[in-house]
N, C-alpha and C. Protein backbone atom coordinates (compact mmCIF):
# COMPACT_ATOMS: atom_id res chain seq x y z
N UNK A 1 0.82 -1.20 0.00
CA UNK A 1 0.00 0.00 0.00
C UNK A 1 0.86 1.25 0.00
N UNK A 2 1.84 1.32 0.93
CA UNK A 2 2.71 2.48 1.02
C UNK A 2 3.54 2.64 -0.25
N UNK A 3 4.01 1.53 -0.80
CA UNK A 3 4.82 1.59 -2.01
C UNK A 3 4.00 2.13 -3.18
N UNK A 4 2.73 1.73 -3.28
CA UNK A 4 1.86 2.24 -4.33
C UNK A 4 1.67 3.74 -4.21
N UNK A 5 1.50 4.23 -3.00
CA UNK A 5 1.34 5.66 -2.77
C UNK A 5 2.60 6.40 -3.19
N UNK A 6 3.75 5.88 -2.81
CA UNK A 6 5.02 6.52 -3.18
C UNK A 6 5.21 6.53 -4.69
N UNK A 7 4.94 5.41 -5.33
CA UNK A 7 5.10 5.32 -6.78
C UNK A 7 4.15 6.27 -7.50
N UNK A 8 2.92 6.31 -7.05
CA UNK A 8 1.93 7.20 -7.67
C UNK A 8 2.34 8.66 -7.47
N UNK A 9 2.76 9.00 -6.25
CA UNK A 9 3.19 10.36 -5.96
C UNK A 9 4.38 10.74 -6.85
N UNK A 10 5.39 9.89 -6.89
CA UNK A 10 6.59 10.18 -7.67
C UNK A 10 6.28 10.24 -9.17
N UNK A 11 5.36 9.43 -9.61
CA UNK A 11 4.94 9.47 -11.01
C UNK A 11 4.30 10.80 -11.39
N UNK A 12 3.57 11.38 -10.46
CA UNK A 12 2.95 12.68 -10.70
C UNK A 12 3.94 13.82 -10.48
N UNK A 13 4.79 13.68 -9.46
CA UNK A 13 5.71 14.76 -9.09
C UNK A 13 6.88 14.93 -10.06
N UNK A 14 7.48 13.86 -10.49
CA UNK A 14 8.72 13.91 -11.27
C UNK A 14 8.64 14.83 -12.50
N UNK A 15 7.60 14.73 -13.34
CA UNK A 15 7.57 15.62 -14.50
C UNK A 15 7.32 17.09 -14.15
N UNK A 16 6.87 17.36 -12.93
CA UNK A 16 6.55 18.73 -12.53
C UNK A 16 7.62 19.36 -11.63
N UNK A 17 8.67 18.62 -11.33
CA UNK A 17 9.69 19.09 -10.40
C UNK A 17 10.30 20.42 -10.83
N UNK A 18 10.61 20.57 -12.12
CA UNK A 18 11.20 21.81 -12.61
C UNK A 18 10.27 23.00 -12.47
N UNK A 19 8.99 22.78 -12.73
CA UNK A 19 8.01 23.86 -12.60
C UNK A 19 7.87 24.28 -11.14
N UNK A 20 7.86 23.32 -10.23
CA UNK A 20 7.77 23.65 -8.81
C UNK A 20 9.01 24.41 -8.37
N UNK A 21 10.17 23.99 -8.82
CA UNK A 21 11.42 24.66 -8.46
C UNK A 21 11.42 26.11 -8.95
N UNK A 22 11.02 26.31 -10.19
CA UNK A 22 10.97 27.66 -10.75
C UNK A 22 9.97 28.53 -10.00
N UNK A 23 8.82 27.95 -9.67
CA UNK A 23 7.80 28.71 -8.95
C UNK A 23 8.31 29.11 -7.56
N UNK A 24 8.92 28.18 -6.86
CA UNK A 24 9.43 28.47 -5.51
C UNK A 24 10.54 29.52 -5.56
N UNK A 25 11.39 29.43 -6.57
CA UNK A 25 12.45 30.43 -6.71
C UNK A 25 11.86 31.81 -6.98
N UNK A 26 10.82 31.86 -7.81
CA UNK A 26 10.19 33.15 -8.11
C UNK A 26 9.54 33.75 -6.87
N UNK A 27 9.12 32.92 -5.96
CA UNK A 27 8.52 33.40 -4.71
C UNK A 27 9.58 33.89 -3.74
N UNK A 28 10.67 33.14 -3.57
CA UNK A 28 11.63 33.42 -2.51
C UNK A 28 12.79 34.30 -2.93
N UNK A 29 13.15 34.25 -4.21
CA UNK A 29 14.26 35.03 -4.75
C UNK A 29 15.61 34.57 -4.18
N UNK A 30 15.66 33.39 -3.68
CA UNK A 30 16.88 32.85 -3.09
C UNK A 30 16.92 31.34 -3.34
N UNK A 31 18.07 30.87 -3.81
CA UNK A 31 18.19 29.44 -4.09
C UNK A 31 17.97 28.60 -2.84
N UNK A 32 18.59 29.01 -1.74
CA UNK A 32 18.48 28.23 -0.50
C UNK A 32 17.06 28.22 0.03
N UNK A 33 16.42 29.38 0.06
CA UNK A 33 15.03 29.44 0.53
C UNK A 33 14.10 28.69 -0.41
N UNK A 34 14.40 28.74 -1.72
CA UNK A 34 13.58 28.01 -2.68
C UNK A 34 13.72 26.50 -2.46
N UNK A 35 14.94 26.04 -2.22
CA UNK A 35 15.13 24.62 -1.94
C UNK A 35 14.35 24.21 -0.70
N UNK A 36 14.39 25.06 0.32
CA UNK A 36 13.65 24.77 1.55
C UNK A 36 12.15 24.75 1.29
N UNK A 37 11.66 25.71 0.51
CA UNK A 37 10.24 25.76 0.19
C UNK A 37 9.82 24.53 -0.63
N UNK A 38 10.66 24.12 -1.57
CA UNK A 38 10.37 22.91 -2.35
C UNK A 38 10.28 21.70 -1.42
N UNK A 39 11.25 21.59 -0.52
CA UNK A 39 11.25 20.44 0.41
C UNK A 39 10.00 20.43 1.28
N UNK A 40 9.65 21.58 1.83
CA UNK A 40 8.45 21.66 2.67
C UNK A 40 7.19 21.35 1.86
N UNK A 41 7.17 21.80 0.61
CA UNK A 41 6.02 21.55 -0.25
C UNK A 41 5.89 20.07 -0.57
N UNK A 42 7.01 19.43 -0.85
CA UNK A 42 6.99 17.99 -1.14
C UNK A 42 6.48 17.22 0.08
N UNK A 43 6.99 17.56 1.24
CA UNK A 43 6.57 16.88 2.46
C UNK A 43 5.08 17.08 2.71
N UNK A 44 4.62 18.33 2.66
CA UNK A 44 3.21 18.61 2.92
C UNK A 44 2.31 17.98 1.86
N UNK A 45 2.73 18.02 0.60
CA UNK A 45 1.89 17.44 -0.45
C UNK A 45 1.84 15.92 -0.34
N UNK A 46 2.93 15.30 0.08
CA UNK A 46 2.92 13.85 0.25
C UNK A 46 2.03 13.46 1.43
N UNK A 47 2.13 14.23 2.51
CA UNK A 47 1.30 13.94 3.69
C UNK A 47 -0.19 14.12 3.39
N UNK A 48 -0.51 15.04 2.50
CA UNK A 48 -1.91 15.32 2.16
C UNK A 48 -2.32 14.74 0.81
N UNK A 49 -1.49 13.87 0.27
CA UNK A 49 -1.74 13.29 -1.04
C UNK A 49 -3.09 12.57 -1.11
N UNK A 50 -3.51 12.00 0.01
CA UNK A 50 -4.79 11.30 0.05
C UNK A 50 -5.98 12.21 -0.25
N UNK A 51 -5.81 13.53 -0.03
CA UNK A 51 -6.92 14.46 -0.25
C UNK A 51 -7.04 14.89 -1.72
N UNK A 52 -6.06 14.55 -2.55
CA UNK A 52 -6.12 14.88 -3.97
C UNK A 52 -7.15 13.98 -4.65
N UNK A 53 -8.17 14.61 -5.20
CA UNK A 53 -9.27 13.85 -5.80
C UNK A 53 -9.03 13.53 -7.27
N UNK A 54 -8.24 14.37 -7.94
CA UNK A 54 -8.03 14.21 -9.37
C UNK A 54 -6.54 14.39 -9.68
N UNK A 55 -5.93 13.40 -10.28
CA UNK A 55 -4.50 13.46 -10.59
C UNK A 55 -4.14 14.62 -11.51
N UNK A 56 -5.06 15.05 -12.35
CA UNK A 56 -4.76 16.14 -13.27
C UNK A 56 -4.63 17.48 -12.55
N UNK A 57 -5.09 17.55 -11.31
CA UNK A 57 -4.99 18.78 -10.52
C UNK A 57 -3.73 18.80 -9.64
N UNK A 58 -2.81 17.88 -9.87
CA UNK A 58 -1.63 17.76 -9.00
C UNK A 58 -0.76 19.00 -9.04
N UNK A 59 -0.55 19.60 -10.21
CA UNK A 59 0.27 20.81 -10.29
C UNK A 59 -0.35 21.95 -9.48
N UNK A 60 -1.64 22.11 -9.62
CA UNK A 60 -2.36 23.13 -8.85
C UNK A 60 -2.25 22.82 -7.36
N UNK A 61 -2.37 21.56 -7.00
CA UNK A 61 -2.24 21.09 -5.62
C UNK A 61 -0.88 21.48 -5.07
N UNK A 62 0.19 21.22 -5.82
CA UNK A 62 1.56 21.57 -5.39
C UNK A 62 1.73 23.07 -5.23
N UNK A 63 1.30 23.83 -6.24
CA UNK A 63 1.50 25.28 -6.21
C UNK A 63 0.69 25.94 -5.09
N UNK A 64 -0.49 25.41 -4.83
CA UNK A 64 -1.30 25.95 -3.73
C UNK A 64 -0.61 25.70 -2.40
N UNK A 65 -0.09 24.51 -2.22
CA UNK A 65 0.63 24.20 -0.98
C UNK A 65 1.87 25.08 -0.85
N UNK A 66 2.63 25.23 -1.94
CA UNK A 66 3.83 26.08 -1.90
C UNK A 66 3.45 27.53 -1.57
N UNK A 67 2.39 28.02 -2.17
CA UNK A 67 1.94 29.40 -1.90
C UNK A 67 1.52 29.57 -0.44
N UNK A 68 0.79 28.59 0.08
CA UNK A 68 0.35 28.67 1.47
C UNK A 68 1.52 28.63 2.44
N UNK A 69 2.48 27.75 2.18
CA UNK A 69 3.66 27.68 3.04
C UNK A 69 4.44 28.99 2.96
N UNK A 70 4.59 29.49 1.75
CA UNK A 70 5.31 30.76 1.57
C UNK A 70 4.63 31.89 2.33
N UNK A 71 3.32 32.00 2.17
CA UNK A 71 2.59 33.07 2.86
C UNK A 71 2.73 32.95 4.38
N UNK A 72 2.64 31.74 4.90
CA UNK A 72 2.75 31.53 6.35
C UNK A 72 4.16 31.82 6.84
N UNK A 73 5.15 31.41 6.08
CA UNK A 73 6.53 31.50 6.53
C UNK A 73 7.17 32.86 6.25
N UNK A 74 6.84 33.42 5.13
CA UNK A 74 7.49 34.66 4.70
C UNK A 74 6.51 35.82 4.65
N UNK A 75 5.64 35.89 5.65
CA UNK A 75 4.60 36.90 5.67
C UNK A 75 5.17 38.32 5.63
N UNK A 76 6.24 38.53 6.36
CA UNK A 76 6.83 39.86 6.41
C UNK A 76 7.40 40.30 5.07
N UNK A 77 7.95 39.38 4.31
CA UNK A 77 8.58 39.72 3.04
C UNK A 77 7.86 38.98 1.92
N UNK A 78 6.70 39.50 1.53
CA UNK A 78 5.85 38.80 0.57
C UNK A 78 6.14 39.17 -0.88
N UNK A 79 7.19 39.85 -1.15
CA UNK A 79 7.46 40.31 -2.51
C UNK A 79 7.72 39.13 -3.44
N UNK A 80 6.95 39.05 -4.51
CA UNK A 80 7.09 38.00 -5.53
C UNK A 80 8.12 38.49 -6.54
N UNK A 81 9.30 37.90 -6.56
CA UNK A 81 10.38 38.35 -7.42
C UNK A 81 10.65 37.28 -8.46
N UNK A 82 10.77 37.70 -9.71
CA UNK A 82 10.91 36.73 -10.78
C UNK A 82 12.36 36.34 -11.05
N UNK A 83 13.28 37.25 -10.96
CA UNK A 83 14.68 36.89 -11.21
C UNK A 83 15.59 37.99 -10.69
N UNK A 84 16.67 37.59 -10.10
CA UNK A 84 17.66 38.54 -9.62
C UNK A 84 18.60 38.83 -10.77
N UNK A 85 18.80 40.13 -11.15
CA UNK A 85 19.62 40.45 -12.31
C UNK A 85 21.03 39.84 -12.26
N UNK A 86 21.64 39.76 -11.09
CA UNK A 86 23.01 39.25 -10.99
C UNK A 86 23.10 37.80 -11.42
N UNK A 87 22.10 36.98 -11.08
CA UNK A 87 22.17 35.56 -11.43
C UNK A 87 21.28 35.21 -12.62
N UNK A 88 20.65 36.21 -13.23
CA UNK A 88 19.71 35.95 -14.31
C UNK A 88 20.35 35.21 -15.47
N UNK A 89 21.54 35.64 -15.90
CA UNK A 89 22.19 35.03 -17.06
C UNK A 89 22.48 33.56 -16.85
N UNK A 90 22.83 33.18 -15.62
CA UNK A 90 23.15 31.77 -15.39
C UNK A 90 21.90 30.89 -15.38
N UNK A 91 20.72 31.49 -15.28
CA UNK A 91 19.49 30.72 -15.29
C UNK A 91 19.08 30.30 -16.70
N UNK A 92 19.52 31.06 -17.69
CA UNK A 92 19.18 30.75 -19.07
C UNK A 92 20.28 29.89 -19.67
N UNK A 93 19.88 28.89 -20.43
CA UNK A 93 20.91 28.02 -20.98
C UNK A 93 21.68 28.72 -22.10
N UNK A 94 22.75 28.10 -22.50
CA UNK A 94 23.68 28.72 -23.45
C UNK A 94 23.11 28.83 -24.86
N UNK A 95 22.02 28.15 -25.16
CA UNK A 95 21.44 28.22 -26.50
C UNK A 95 20.67 29.52 -26.73
N UNK A 96 20.39 30.26 -25.66
CA UNK A 96 19.67 31.53 -25.78
C UNK A 96 20.66 32.61 -26.21
N UNK A 97 20.34 33.30 -27.29
CA UNK A 97 21.21 34.36 -27.79
C UNK A 97 21.30 35.52 -26.80
N UNK A 98 22.41 36.25 -26.83
CA UNK A 98 22.62 37.35 -25.90
C UNK A 98 21.54 38.42 -26.04
N UNK A 99 21.13 38.74 -27.27
CA UNK A 99 20.07 39.73 -27.47
C UNK A 99 18.76 39.27 -26.83
N UNK A 100 18.49 37.98 -26.98
CA UNK A 100 17.28 37.43 -26.39
C UNK A 100 17.36 37.47 -24.86
N UNK A 101 18.55 37.19 -24.30
CA UNK A 101 18.73 37.27 -22.85
C UNK A 101 18.45 38.68 -22.36
N UNK A 102 18.91 39.66 -23.12
CA UNK A 102 18.67 41.06 -22.74
C UNK A 102 17.18 41.36 -22.77
N UNK A 103 16.49 40.91 -23.82
CA UNK A 103 15.04 41.12 -23.91
C UNK A 103 14.31 40.45 -22.76
N UNK A 104 14.72 39.23 -22.43
CA UNK A 104 14.08 38.49 -21.34
C UNK A 104 14.34 39.20 -20.01
N UNK A 105 15.56 39.68 -19.81
CA UNK A 105 15.87 40.43 -18.59
C UNK A 105 14.98 41.66 -18.46
N UNK A 106 14.82 42.40 -19.56
CA UNK A 106 13.99 43.61 -19.55
C UNK A 106 12.53 43.23 -19.24
N UNK A 107 12.06 42.15 -19.85
CA UNK A 107 10.69 41.69 -19.59
C UNK A 107 10.50 41.35 -18.12
N UNK A 108 11.43 40.59 -17.54
CA UNK A 108 11.31 40.19 -16.15
C UNK A 108 11.44 41.39 -15.20
N UNK A 109 12.27 42.35 -15.55
CA UNK A 109 12.36 43.56 -14.73
C UNK A 109 11.05 44.34 -14.77
N UNK A 110 10.41 44.37 -15.94
CA UNK A 110 9.10 45.03 -16.06
C UNK A 110 8.05 44.25 -15.26
N UNK A 111 8.09 42.93 -15.33
CA UNK A 111 7.16 42.11 -14.54
C UNK A 111 7.30 42.40 -13.05
N UNK A 112 8.53 42.63 -12.60
CA UNK A 112 8.76 42.92 -11.18
C UNK A 112 8.11 44.23 -10.74
N UNK A 113 7.77 45.09 -11.68
CA UNK A 113 7.14 46.38 -11.33
C UNK A 113 5.62 46.28 -11.22
N UNK A 114 5.07 45.15 -11.62
CA UNK A 114 3.62 44.95 -11.53
C UNK A 114 3.21 44.62 -10.10
N UNK A 115 1.93 44.87 -9.76
CA UNK A 115 1.44 44.41 -8.46
C UNK A 115 1.61 42.90 -8.34
N UNK A 116 1.82 42.42 -7.13
CA UNK A 116 2.15 41.01 -6.91
C UNK A 116 1.12 40.06 -7.51
N UNK A 117 -0.16 40.34 -7.35
CA UNK A 117 -1.18 39.42 -7.86
C UNK A 117 -1.18 39.36 -9.39
N UNK A 118 -0.92 40.47 -10.07
CA UNK A 118 -0.85 40.46 -11.53
C UNK A 118 0.41 39.73 -11.99
N UNK A 119 1.51 39.99 -11.33
CA UNK A 119 2.79 39.36 -11.68
C UNK A 119 2.68 37.84 -11.54
N UNK A 120 2.13 37.40 -10.43
CA UNK A 120 1.99 35.97 -10.18
C UNK A 120 1.05 35.33 -11.20
N UNK A 121 -0.06 36.00 -11.50
CA UNK A 121 -1.03 35.46 -12.47
C UNK A 121 -0.40 35.32 -13.85
N UNK A 122 0.33 36.33 -14.30
CA UNK A 122 0.99 36.27 -15.60
C UNK A 122 2.05 35.19 -15.60
N UNK A 123 2.82 35.10 -14.53
CA UNK A 123 3.88 34.10 -14.44
C UNK A 123 3.29 32.69 -14.51
N UNK A 124 2.26 32.44 -13.72
CA UNK A 124 1.67 31.10 -13.70
C UNK A 124 0.99 30.75 -15.03
N UNK A 125 0.30 31.73 -15.62
CA UNK A 125 -0.46 31.48 -16.84
C UNK A 125 0.43 31.44 -18.08
N UNK A 126 1.24 32.46 -18.26
CA UNK A 126 2.01 32.58 -19.50
C UNK A 126 3.37 31.90 -19.48
N UNK A 127 4.01 31.84 -18.34
CA UNK A 127 5.35 31.27 -18.29
C UNK A 127 5.30 29.81 -17.87
N UNK A 128 4.59 29.50 -16.80
CA UNK A 128 4.45 28.11 -16.36
C UNK A 128 3.49 27.35 -17.26
N UNK A 129 2.45 28.02 -17.75
CA UNK A 129 1.51 27.37 -18.67
C UNK A 129 0.28 26.78 -18.01
N UNK A 130 -0.04 27.26 -16.82
CA UNK A 130 -1.24 26.77 -16.14
C UNK A 130 -2.47 27.41 -16.77
N UNK A 131 -3.63 26.77 -16.60
CA UNK A 131 -4.85 27.41 -17.10
C UNK A 131 -5.38 28.37 -16.03
N UNK A 132 -6.31 29.21 -16.44
CA UNK A 132 -6.81 30.27 -15.56
C UNK A 132 -7.54 29.72 -14.34
N UNK A 133 -8.17 28.59 -14.49
CA UNK A 133 -8.87 27.98 -13.35
C UNK A 133 -7.86 27.54 -12.28
N UNK A 134 -6.74 26.97 -12.71
CA UNK A 134 -5.69 26.56 -11.77
C UNK A 134 -5.07 27.77 -11.08
N UNK A 135 -4.84 28.83 -11.86
CA UNK A 135 -4.28 30.07 -11.28
C UNK A 135 -5.26 30.63 -10.25
N UNK A 136 -6.54 30.60 -10.56
CA UNK A 136 -7.55 31.10 -9.63
C UNK A 136 -7.53 30.30 -8.33
N UNK A 137 -7.37 29.00 -8.43
CA UNK A 137 -7.32 28.16 -7.23
C UNK A 137 -6.10 28.50 -6.38
N UNK A 138 -4.97 28.71 -7.02
CA UNK A 138 -3.75 29.05 -6.29
C UNK A 138 -3.86 30.42 -5.64
N UNK A 139 -4.42 31.38 -6.37
CA UNK A 139 -4.53 32.74 -5.85
C UNK A 139 -5.77 32.93 -4.98
N UNK A 140 -6.56 31.88 -4.85
CA UNK A 140 -7.77 31.92 -4.03
C UNK A 140 -8.69 33.08 -4.45
N UNK A 141 -9.01 33.08 -5.74
CA UNK A 141 -9.89 34.10 -6.30
C UNK A 141 -10.70 33.46 -7.42
N UNK A 142 -11.51 34.25 -8.09
CA UNK A 142 -12.32 33.73 -9.19
C UNK A 142 -11.54 33.76 -10.50
N UNK A 143 -12.02 32.99 -11.46
CA UNK A 143 -11.40 32.97 -12.78
C UNK A 143 -11.50 34.34 -13.43
N UNK A 144 -12.60 35.03 -13.20
CA UNK A 144 -12.78 36.38 -13.77
C UNK A 144 -11.70 37.32 -13.24
N UNK A 145 -11.41 37.23 -11.94
CA UNK A 145 -10.35 38.07 -11.37
C UNK A 145 -9.00 37.74 -11.98
N UNK A 146 -8.75 36.47 -12.21
CA UNK A 146 -7.48 36.07 -12.84
C UNK A 146 -7.40 36.64 -14.24
N UNK A 147 -8.48 36.54 -15.01
CA UNK A 147 -8.50 37.11 -16.36
C UNK A 147 -8.22 38.61 -16.32
N UNK A 148 -8.84 39.30 -15.36
CA UNK A 148 -8.60 40.74 -15.23
C UNK A 148 -7.15 41.04 -14.85
N UNK A 149 -6.61 40.26 -13.93
CA UNK A 149 -5.21 40.47 -13.52
C UNK A 149 -4.26 40.27 -14.69
N UNK A 150 -4.50 39.23 -15.45
CA UNK A 150 -3.64 38.96 -16.61
C UNK A 150 -3.79 40.07 -17.65
N UNK A 151 -5.03 40.45 -17.94
CA UNK A 151 -5.30 41.48 -18.94
C UNK A 151 -4.67 42.82 -18.52
N UNK A 152 -4.93 43.23 -17.29
CA UNK A 152 -4.38 44.51 -16.81
C UNK A 152 -2.85 44.46 -16.74
N UNK A 153 -2.33 43.33 -16.28
CA UNK A 153 -0.88 43.19 -16.21
C UNK A 153 -0.23 43.27 -17.57
N UNK A 154 -0.81 42.59 -18.55
CA UNK A 154 -0.25 42.63 -19.91
C UNK A 154 -0.35 44.03 -20.52
N UNK A 155 -1.46 44.70 -20.26
CA UNK A 155 -1.58 46.08 -20.75
C UNK A 155 -0.52 46.98 -20.13
N UNK A 156 -0.30 46.82 -18.85
CA UNK A 156 0.72 47.61 -18.16
C UNK A 156 2.12 47.26 -18.70
N UNK A 157 2.37 45.98 -18.91
CA UNK A 157 3.66 45.58 -19.50
C UNK A 157 3.84 46.18 -20.89
N UNK A 158 2.77 46.17 -21.66
CA UNK A 158 2.85 46.74 -23.01
C UNK A 158 3.22 48.22 -22.94
N UNK A 159 2.62 48.94 -22.00
CA UNK A 159 2.95 50.35 -21.82
C UNK A 159 4.42 50.52 -21.43
N UNK A 160 4.88 49.71 -20.49
CA UNK A 160 6.26 49.82 -20.02
C UNK A 160 7.26 49.43 -21.10
N UNK A 161 6.91 48.43 -21.90
CA UNK A 161 7.87 47.88 -22.86
C UNK A 161 7.73 48.47 -24.26
N UNK A 162 6.68 49.25 -24.48
CA UNK A 162 6.41 49.80 -25.80
C UNK A 162 7.60 50.59 -26.33
N UNK A 163 8.19 51.43 -25.50
CA UNK A 163 9.32 52.23 -25.95
C UNK A 163 10.61 51.42 -26.09
N UNK A 164 10.66 50.24 -25.49
CA UNK A 164 11.86 49.41 -25.57
C UNK A 164 11.84 48.49 -26.79
N UNK A 165 10.69 48.36 -27.45
CA UNK A 165 10.51 47.57 -28.66
C UNK A 165 11.05 46.14 -28.51
N UNK A 166 10.53 45.45 -27.54
CA UNK A 166 10.93 44.06 -27.33
C UNK A 166 10.00 43.17 -28.15
N UNK A 167 10.60 42.36 -28.99
CA UNK A 167 9.81 41.50 -29.86
C UNK A 167 9.96 40.02 -29.51
N UNK A 168 10.91 39.69 -28.68
CA UNK A 168 11.16 38.30 -28.33
C UNK A 168 10.15 37.84 -27.30
N UNK A 169 9.71 36.61 -27.44
CA UNK A 169 8.79 36.02 -26.47
C UNK A 169 9.57 35.05 -25.60
N UNK A 170 9.30 35.07 -24.30
CA UNK A 170 9.97 34.16 -23.39
C UNK A 170 9.54 32.74 -23.70
N UNK A 171 10.49 31.84 -23.68
CA UNK A 171 10.21 30.42 -23.88
C UNK A 171 9.20 29.97 -22.83
N UNK A 172 8.16 29.25 -23.25
CA UNK A 172 7.11 28.87 -22.31
C UNK A 172 7.53 27.75 -21.37
N UNK A 173 8.62 27.06 -21.66
CA UNK A 173 9.11 26.01 -20.76
C UNK A 173 9.90 26.65 -19.63
N UNK A 174 9.53 26.41 -18.40
CA UNK A 174 10.29 26.99 -17.28
C UNK A 174 11.64 26.32 -17.16
N UNK A 175 12.58 27.06 -16.62
CA UNK A 175 13.89 26.48 -16.41
C UNK A 175 14.02 26.07 -14.95
N UNK A 176 14.81 25.08 -14.69
CA UNK A 176 14.98 24.59 -13.33
C UNK A 176 16.10 25.38 -12.68
N UNK A 177 15.76 26.33 -11.85
CA UNK A 177 16.75 27.23 -11.25
C UNK A 177 17.48 26.59 -10.08
N UNK A 178 17.03 25.46 -9.63
CA UNK A 178 17.65 24.86 -8.46
C UNK A 178 18.67 23.78 -8.80
N UNK A 179 18.80 23.46 -10.06
CA UNK A 179 19.78 22.46 -10.43
C UNK A 179 21.18 23.03 -10.23
N UNK A 180 22.02 22.21 -9.68
CA UNK A 180 23.41 22.62 -9.47
C UNK A 180 24.14 22.53 -10.80
N UNK A 181 24.96 23.51 -11.06
CA UNK A 181 25.72 23.53 -12.32
C UNK A 181 26.90 22.59 -12.24
């Protein structure tokens, strides 16, 4: 029985490990804190795995747990940060052209200027690739609010980036920021 639970959990978790790592890093802005948040999320999600009713909701289940742990633990410093400029270049693999890295850096810096709820909604929807219903569950709001946050955030980004003429789109596959080089 226990082995089946472990196998099922690992079968669901393994393909999503990179997305969870990227999400935790975007929340904490620190590799060490992100590793700790990932560990706590894995533990809590495994302990509560029995409450998951639908395997397709596992990513939402993980992100909700990570968000709740983050809110409880880091209440004083709730700033959602997408990337630290000093380590940004090392997060992108070598196949990304330097001009594209610059465009991505500018985009992420603009994202950091958005309100936290808009930034998180855009990150989860457009970069991680979650659907709006999953984002709503994580943010504990309605789908309509998520749509508004994404729409307003994108409009604000367009205003901020219009004069910079950025044409590159960020790769929709998240990178695993916690892997050791």
